[in-house]
C-alpha atoms as a PDB file:
ATOM      1  CA  MET A   1       9.849  11.308  38.633  1.00  0.00           C
ATOM      2  CA  LEU A   2       9.422   9.182  35.128  1.00  0.00           C
ATOM      3  CA  CYS A   3       6.810  11.332  34.490  1.00  0.00           C
ATOM      4  CA  VAL A   4       9.107  14.180  34.875  1.00  0.00           C
ATOM      5  CA  ALA A   5      12.520  12.942  33.332  1.00  0.00           C
ATOM      6  CA  GLY A   6       9.885  11.235  30.560  1.00  0.00           C
ATOM      7  CA  ALA A   7       8.587  15.261  29.774  1.00  0.00           C
ATOM      8  CA  VAL A   8      11.807  16.968  29.778  1.00  0.00           C
ATOM      9  CA  THR A   9      13.330  14.311  27.840  1.00  0.00           C
ATOM     10  CA  SER A  10      11.095  13.737  24.892  1.00  0.00           C
ATOM     11  CA  SER A  11      10.370  17.472  24.701  1.00  0.00           C
ATOM     12  CA  SER A  12      13.549  18.497  24.955  1.00  0.00           C
ATOM     13  CA  ILE A  13      14.682  16.086  22.183  1.00  0.00           C
ATOM     14  CA  VAL A  14      11.969  17.643  19.578  1.00  0.00           C
ATOM     15  CA  ALA A  15      12.544  21.291  20.684  1.00  0.00           C
ATOM     16  CA  PHE A  16      15.833  21.718  19.553  1.00  0.00           C
ATOM     17  CA  PRO A  17      15.321  20.763  16.283  1.00  0.00           C
ATOM     18  CA  PHE A  18      13.081  22.590  15.395  1.00  0.00           C
ATOM     19  CA  ALA A  19      14.841  25.811  17.475  1.00  0.00           C
ATOM     20  CA  ARG A  20      18.128  25.048  15.596  1.00  0.00           C
ATOM     21  CA  LEU A  21      17.633  23.194  12.228  1.00  0.00           C
ATOM     22  CA  ARG A  22      16.119  24.390   8.962  1.00  0.00           C
ATOM     23  CA  PHE A  23      14.345  21.331   6.596  1.00  0.00           C
ATOM     24  CA  PRO A  24      11.533  21.819   4.346  1.00  0.00           C
ATOM     25  CA  GLY A  25       8.182  21.776   6.089  1.00  0.00           C
ATOM     26  CA  ARG A  26       9.829  22.761   9.264  1.00  0.00           C
ATOM     27  CA  ASP A  27       7.372  25.036  10.000  1.00  0.00           C
ATOM     28  CA  GLN A  28       4.279  23.352   8.379  1.00  0.00           C
ATOM     29  CA  LEU A  29       5.788  20.673  10.566  1.00  0.00           C
ATOM     30  CA  PHE A  30       5.340  22.720  14.169  1.00  0.00           C
ATOM     31  CA  ILE A  31       2.150  23.966  13.310  1.00  0.00           C
ATOM     32  CA  THR A  32       0.703  20.361  12.963  1.00  0.00           C
ATOM     33  CA  LEU A  33       2.009  20.024  16.403  1.00  0.00           C
ATOM     34  CA  LEU A  34       0.863  22.803  17.937  1.00  0.00           C
ATOM     35  CA  ALA A  35      -2.484  22.051  16.096  1.00  0.00           C
ATOM     36  CA  THR A  36      -3.124  18.531  18.571  1.00  0.00           C
ATOM     37  CA  MET A  37      -3.275  20.454  21.358  1.00  0.00           C
ATOM     38  CA  MET A  38      -6.483  21.530  20.445  1.00  0.00           C
ATOM     39  CA  LEU A  39      -7.746  17.587  20.516  1.00  0.00           C
ATOM     40  CA  PRO A  40      -9.484  17.197  24.010  1.00  0.00           C
ATOM     41  CA  GLY A  41      -7.861  13.938  25.255  1.00  0.00           C
ATOM     42  CA  GLN A  42     -11.236  12.266  25.547  1.00  0.00           C
ATOM     43  CA  VAL A  43     -11.009  11.538  22.218  1.00  0.00           C
ATOM     44  CA  THR A  44      -8.143   9.516  21.889  1.00  0.00           C
ATOM     45  CA  LEU A  45      -8.918   7.544  25.420  1.00  0.00           C
ATOM     46  CA  ILE A  46     -11.176   4.765  24.127  1.00  0.00           C
ATOM     47  CA  PRO A  47      -8.221   4.067  21.352  1.00  0.00           C
ATOM     48  CA  THR A  48      -5.443   4.018  23.809  1.00  0.00           C
ATOM     49  CA  TYR A  49      -7.546   2.093  26.291  1.00  0.00           C
ATOM     50  CA  LEU A  50      -7.685  -0.453  24.202  1.00  0.00           C
ATOM     51  CA  ILE A  51      -4.361  -0.257  23.204  1.00  0.00           C
ATOM     52  CA  PHE A  52      -3.076  -0.693  26.532  1.00  0.00           C
ATOM     53  CA  THR A  53      -5.622  -3.508  27.214  1.00  0.00           C
ATOM     54  CA  ARG A  54      -4.023  -5.785  24.440  1.00  0.00           C
ATOM     55  CA  LEU A  55      -0.231  -4.895  25.767  1.00  0.00           C
ATOM     56  CA  GLY A  56      -1.890  -6.039  29.209  1.00  0.00           C
ATOM     57  CA  TRP A  57      -1.064  -2.850  30.997  1.00  0.00           C
ATOM     58  CA  LEU A  58      -3.819  -2.432  32.979  1.00  0.00           C
ATOM     59  CA  ASP A  59      -3.751  -2.007  36.497  1.00  0.00           C
ATOM     60  CA  THR A  60      -0.055  -0.963  36.266  1.00  0.00           C
ATOM     61  CA  PHE A  61       1.788   2.518  36.481  1.00  0.00           C
ATOM     62  CA  LEU A  62       2.568   1.977  32.855  1.00  0.00           C
ATOM     63  CA  PRO A  63       0.091   3.843  31.327  1.00  0.00           C
ATOM     64  CA  LEU A  64       0.256   6.468  33.725  1.00  0.00           C
ATOM     65  CA  PHE A  65       3.568   7.569  33.256  1.00  0.00           C
ATOM     66  CA  ILE A  66       4.005   5.950  29.187  1.00  0.00           C
ATOM     67  CA  ARG A  67       2.589   9.072  27.687  1.00  0.00           C
ATOM     68  CA  SER A  68       4.881  11.606  29.383  1.00  0.00           C
ATOM     69  CA  TRP A  69       7.513   9.872  26.753  1.00  0.00           C
ATOM     70  CA  ALA A  70       5.529  11.129  23.890  1.00  0.00           C
ATOM     71  CA  ALA A  71       6.534  15.510  23.588  1.00  0.00           C
ATOM     72  CA  ASP A  72       4.083  17.611  24.715  1.00  0.00           C
ATOM     73  CA  PRO A  73       3.099  20.076  22.319  1.00  0.00           C
ATOM     74  CA  PHE A  74       2.982  22.860  24.846  1.00  0.00           C
ATOM     75  CA  HIS A  75       6.425  21.249  26.546  1.00  0.00           C
ATOM     76  CA  VAL A  76       7.596  21.360  23.157  1.00  0.00           C
ATOM     77  CA  PHE A  77       6.442  25.213  22.442  1.00  0.00           C
ATOM     78  CA  LEU A  78       8.139  26.705  25.361  1.00  0.00           C
ATOM     79  CA  LEU A  79      11.298  24.641  24.914  1.00  0.00           C
ATOM     80  CA  ARG A  80      11.824  25.859  21.547  1.00  0.00           C
ATOM     81  CA  GLN A  81      10.802  29.320  22.470  1.00  0.00           C
ATOM     82  CA  PHE A  82      12.975  29.392  25.029  1.00  0.00           C
ATOM     83  CA  PHE A  83      15.984  27.576  22.438  1.00  0.00           C
ATOM     84  CA  MET A  84      15.380  30.458  20.143  1.00  0.00           C
ATOM     85  CA  THR A  85      16.761  33.248  22.812  1.00  0.00           C
ATOM     86  CA  ILE A  86      20.690  31.242  22.908  1.00  0.00           C
ATOM     87  CA  HIS A  87      22.497  33.415  20.276  1.00  0.00           C
ATOM     88  CA  ARG A  88      23.634  30.980  17.726  1.00  0.00           C
ATOM     89  CA  GLU A  89      27.625  32.388  17.979  1.00  0.00           C
ATOM     90  CA  LEU A  90      27.474  29.654  20.897  1.00  0.00           C
ATOM     91  CA  ASP A  91      26.484  26.712  18.431  1.00  0.00           C
ATOM     92  CA  ASP A  92      29.280  28.385  15.663  1.00  0.00           C
ATOM     93  CA  ALA A  93      31.903  28.256  18.699  1.00  0.00           C
ATOM     94  CA  ALA A  94      30.843  24.969  19.552  1.00  0.00           C
ATOM     95  CA  ARG A  95      31.251  23.584  15.707  1.00  0.00           C
ATOM     96  CA  ILE A  96      34.631  25.201  15.823  1.00  0.00           C
ATOM     97  CA  ASP A  97      35.818  23.515  18.863  1.00  0.00           C
ATOM     98  CA  GLY A  98      34.625  19.999  16.941  1.00  0.00           C
ATOM     99  CA  CYS A  99      31.261  19.870  18.671  1.00  0.00           C
ATOM    100  CA  GLY A 100      28.326  17.828  16.866  1.00  0.00           C
ATOM    101  CA  PHE A 101      24.578  18.362  16.597  1.00  0.00           C
ATOM    102  CA  PHE A 102      24.320  16.440  19.082  1.00  0.00           C
ATOM    103  CA  GLY A 103      26.836  17.961  21.492  1.00  0.00           C
ATOM    104  CA  LEU A 104      24.974  20.935  20.864  1.00  0.00           C
ATOM    105  CA  TYR A 105      22.048  20.094  22.522  1.00  0.00           C
ATOM    106  CA  TRP A 106      23.765  18.517  25.422  1.00  0.00           C
ATOM    107  CA  ARG A 107      26.723  20.602  26.363  1.00  0.00           C
ATOM    108  CA  ILE A 108      25.262  23.965  25.390  1.00  0.00           C
ATOM    109  CA  ALA A 109      21.491  24.141  25.060  1.00  0.00           C
ATOM    110  CA  LEU A 110      20.390  21.970  28.089  1.00  0.00           C
ATOM    111  CA  PRO A 111      22.963  23.789  30.421  1.00  0.00           C
ATOM    112  CA  LEU A 112      21.597  26.746  29.241  1.00  0.00           C
ATOM    113  CA  SER A 113      17.643  25.960  29.581  1.00  0.00           C
ATOM    114  CA  LEU A 114      17.760  25.269  32.629  1.00  0.00           C
ATOM    115  CA  PRO A 115      14.972  27.494  34.374  1.00  0.00           C
ATOM    116  CA  ALA A 116      12.543  26.113  31.389  1.00  0.00           C
ATOM    117  CA  LEU A 117      13.457  22.732  31.993  1.00  0.00           C
ATOM    118  CA  GLY A 118      12.994  23.378  35.512  1.00  0.00           C
ATOM    119  CA  VAL A 119       9.245  25.033  34.284  1.00  0.00           C
ATOM    120  CA  VAL A 120       8.166  22.025  32.749  1.00  0.00           C
ATOM    121  CA  SER A 121       9.257  19.554  35.342  1.00  0.00           C
ATOM    122  CA  ILE A 122       6.789  21.535  37.602  1.00  0.00           C
ATOM    123  CA  TYR A 123       4.378  21.741  35.378  1.00  0.00           C
ATOM    124  CA  GLU A 124       4.388  17.734  34.598  1.00  0.00           C
ATOM    125  CA  PHE A 125       4.521  17.126  38.047  1.00  0.00           C
ATOM    126  CA  THR A 126       1.882  19.232  39.221  1.00  0.00           C
ATOM    127  CA  TYR A 127      -0.666  18.000  36.282  1.00  0.00           C
ATOM    128  CA  ASN A 128       0.227  14.118  37.467  1.00  0.00           C
ATOM    129  CA  TRP A 129       0.201  14.599  41.410  1.00  0.00           C
ATOM    130  CA  ASN A 130      -3.340  15.967  40.417  1.00  0.00           C
ATOM    131  CA  GLU A 131      -4.256  13.651  37.973  1.00  0.00           C
ATOM    132  CA  PHE A 132      -7.804  11.869  38.375  1.00  0.00           C
ATOM    133  CA  LEU A 133      -9.372  10.540  35.159  1.00  0.00           C
ATOM    134  CA  LEU A 134      -6.224   8.547  33.966  1.00  0.00           C
ATOM    135  CA  PRO A 135      -5.845   6.693  37.007  1.00  0.00           C
ATOM    136  CA  LEU A 136      -9.629   5.814  37.742  1.00  0.00           C
ATOM    137  CA  ILE A 137      -9.477   4.415  34.312  1.00  0.00           C
ATOM    138  CA  TYR A 138      -6.614   2.203  33.845  1.00  0.00           C
ATOM    139  CA  ILE A 139      -5.879   0.993  37.894  1.00  0.00           C
ATOM    140  CA  ASP A 140      -8.126  -1.173  39.822  1.00  0.00           C
ATOM    141  CA  SER A 141      -5.800  -1.731  42.822  1.00  0.00           C
ATOM    142  CA  LEU A 142      -6.754   0.870  45.824  1.00  0.00           C
ATOM    143  CA  GLU A 143      -3.498   0.276  46.853  1.00  0.00           C
ATOM    144  CA  LYS A 144      -2.243   1.826  43.647  1.00  0.00           C
ATOM    145  CA  PHE A 145      -4.742   4.180  43.979  1.00  0.00           C
ATOM    146  CA  PRO A 146      -2.737   7.857  43.987  1.00  0.00           C
ATOM    147  CA  ILE A 147      -3.891  10.816  46.076  1.00  0.00           C
ATOM    148  CA  ALA A 148      -6.093  12.494  43.690  1.00  0.00           C
ATOM    149  CA  LEU A 149      -8.181   8.675  43.762  1.00  0.00           C
ATOM    150  CA  GLY A 150      -7.200   8.413  48.003  1.00  0.00           C
ATOM    151  CA  LEU A 151      -8.972  11.085  48.628  1.00  0.00           C
ATOM    152  CA  GLN A 152     -12.317  10.360  46.734  1.00  0.00           C
ATOM    153  CA  MET A 153     -11.956   7.462  48.555  1.00  0.00           C
ATOM    154  CA  LEU A 154     -12.078   9.562  52.168  1.00  0.00           C
ATOM    155  CA  GLN A 155     -16.212  10.859  50.940  1.00  0.00           C
ATOM    156  CA  GLY A 156     -18.655   9.002  51.995  1.00  0.00           C
ATOM    157  CA  ARG A 157     -22.070   8.467  49.883  1.00  0.00           C
ATOM    158  CA  TYR A 158     -24.597   9.445  52.876  1.00  0.00           C
ATOM    159  CA  ARG A 159     -21.699  10.814  55.473  1.00  0.00           C
ATOM    160  CA  THR A 160     -18.352  12.225  54.827  1.00  0.00           C
ATOM    161  CA  ASP A 161     -15.402  12.716  57.344  1.00  0.00           C
ATOM    162  CA  MET A 162     -14.636  16.287  56.826  1.00  0.00           C
ATOM    163  CA  GLY A 163     -11.796  16.376  59.798  1.00  0.00           C
ATOM    164  CA  SER A 164      -9.831  13.369  57.731  1.00  0.00           C
ATOM    165  CA  MET A 165     -10.667  14.855  54.016  1.00  0.00           C
ATOM    166  CA  MET A 166      -9.188  18.355  55.253  1.00  0.00           C
ATOM    167  CA  ALA A 167      -5.982  16.520  56.988  1.00  0.00           C
ATOM    168  CA  ALA A 168      -5.312  14.269  53.834  1.00  0.00           C
ATOM    169  CA  ALA A 169      -6.083  17.598  51.634  1.00  0.00           C
ATOM    170  CA  LEU A 170      -3.520  19.825  53.210  1.00  0.00           C
ATOM    171  CA  LEU A 171      -1.038  16.170  52.990  1.00  0.00           C
ATOM    172  CA  ALA A 172      -2.201  16.592  49.246  1.00  0.00           C
ATOM    173  CA  ILE A 173      -1.323  20.167  47.982  1.00  0.00           C
ATOM    174  CA  ALA A 174       1.976  19.983  50.630  1.00  0.00           C
ATOM    175  CA  PRO A 175       4.228  18.614  48.028  1.00  0.00           C
ATOM    176  CA  LEU A 176       3.450  20.925  45.572  1.00  0.00           C
ATOM    177  CA  LEU A 177       3.495  23.830  47.509  1.00  0.00           C
ATOM    178  CA  ILE A 178       7.455  23.117  48.487  1.00  0.00           C
ATOM    179  CA  ILE A 179       7.915  22.326  45.050  1.00  0.00           C
ATOM    180  CA  PHE A 180       6.673  25.661  43.895  1.00  0.00           C
ATOM    181  CA  PHE A 181       8.507  27.672  46.673  1.00  0.00           C
ATOM    182  CA  PHE A 182      11.835  26.041  46.255  1.00  0.00           C
ATOM    183  CA  ALA A 183      11.436  26.480  42.121  1.00  0.00           C
ATOM    184  CA  GLN A 184       9.301  30.093  41.614  1.00  0.00           C
ATOM    185  CA  ARG A 185      12.638  31.786  40.399  1.00  0.00           C
ATOM    186  CA  TYR A 186      12.220  29.703  37.635  1.00  0.00           C
ATOM    187  CA  PHE A 187       9.693  30.866  36.925  1.00  0.00           C
ATOM    188  CA  VAL A 188      10.105  34.542  37.032  1.00  0.00           C
ATOM    189  CA  ARG A 189      13.259  33.545  34.774  1.00  0.00           C
ATOM    190  CA  VAL A 190      11.518  31.964  31.960  1.00  0.00           C
ATOM    191  CA  TYR A 191       8.555  34.967  32.236  1.00  0.00           C
ATOM    192  CA  ARG A 192      11.539  37.511  31.834  1.00  0.00           C
ATOM    193  CA  LYS A 193      12.629  35.915  28.347  1.00  0.00           C
ATOM    194  CA  SER A 194       9.022  35.212  27.155  1.00  0.00           C
ATOM    195  CA  PRO A 195       8.040  38.018  24.840  1.00  0.00           C
ATOM    196  CA  PHE A 196       5.143  38.703  26.989  1.00  0.00           C
ATOM    197  CA  SER A 197       7.042  40.603  28.748  1.00  0.00           C
ATOM    198  CA  GLN A 198       8.425  43.283  26.882  1.00  0.00           C
ATOM    199  CA  SER A 199       4.871  44.387  27.041  1.00  0.00           C
END
């Protein structure tokens, strides 16, 4: 849940100024932010490992969720596009009532963006629930292994108990199925507002 909270908070805080403020170099900064999506995670793996080692965060959950508090470019892009669909007349009306910039973000943008925030939450939860590489690198204690590494522990070198493996896999995907079932309407609402739905 810390990953979801970090992704929603940081991405929305970064996306809202890109959608509402006009300042020199805004478009160039946004393009630079999007360009970081082309950078593979393996490129930054060793430097971040060295940083977390010097901080003494190995074999803790801190390296797994602290990166979610640095705004993900895809989430920023998604939220920015959604914020831009909110009519600016609402901002003008709120300013007349004495609402500041943070008030516009907190009282106007966030309540109207619940579908997009729900999609970001689902993406982040699904990604972290299925994450295998980072826990394998940063966590050493068996009792701290997440579900993805736990499934790997059921696979033996010469023999695999397929019954236990299938049962554990069913338990692993059950939360994702339940969350998607209840949050499916958020995907539909965001898709209807996206420019792709006009084609």
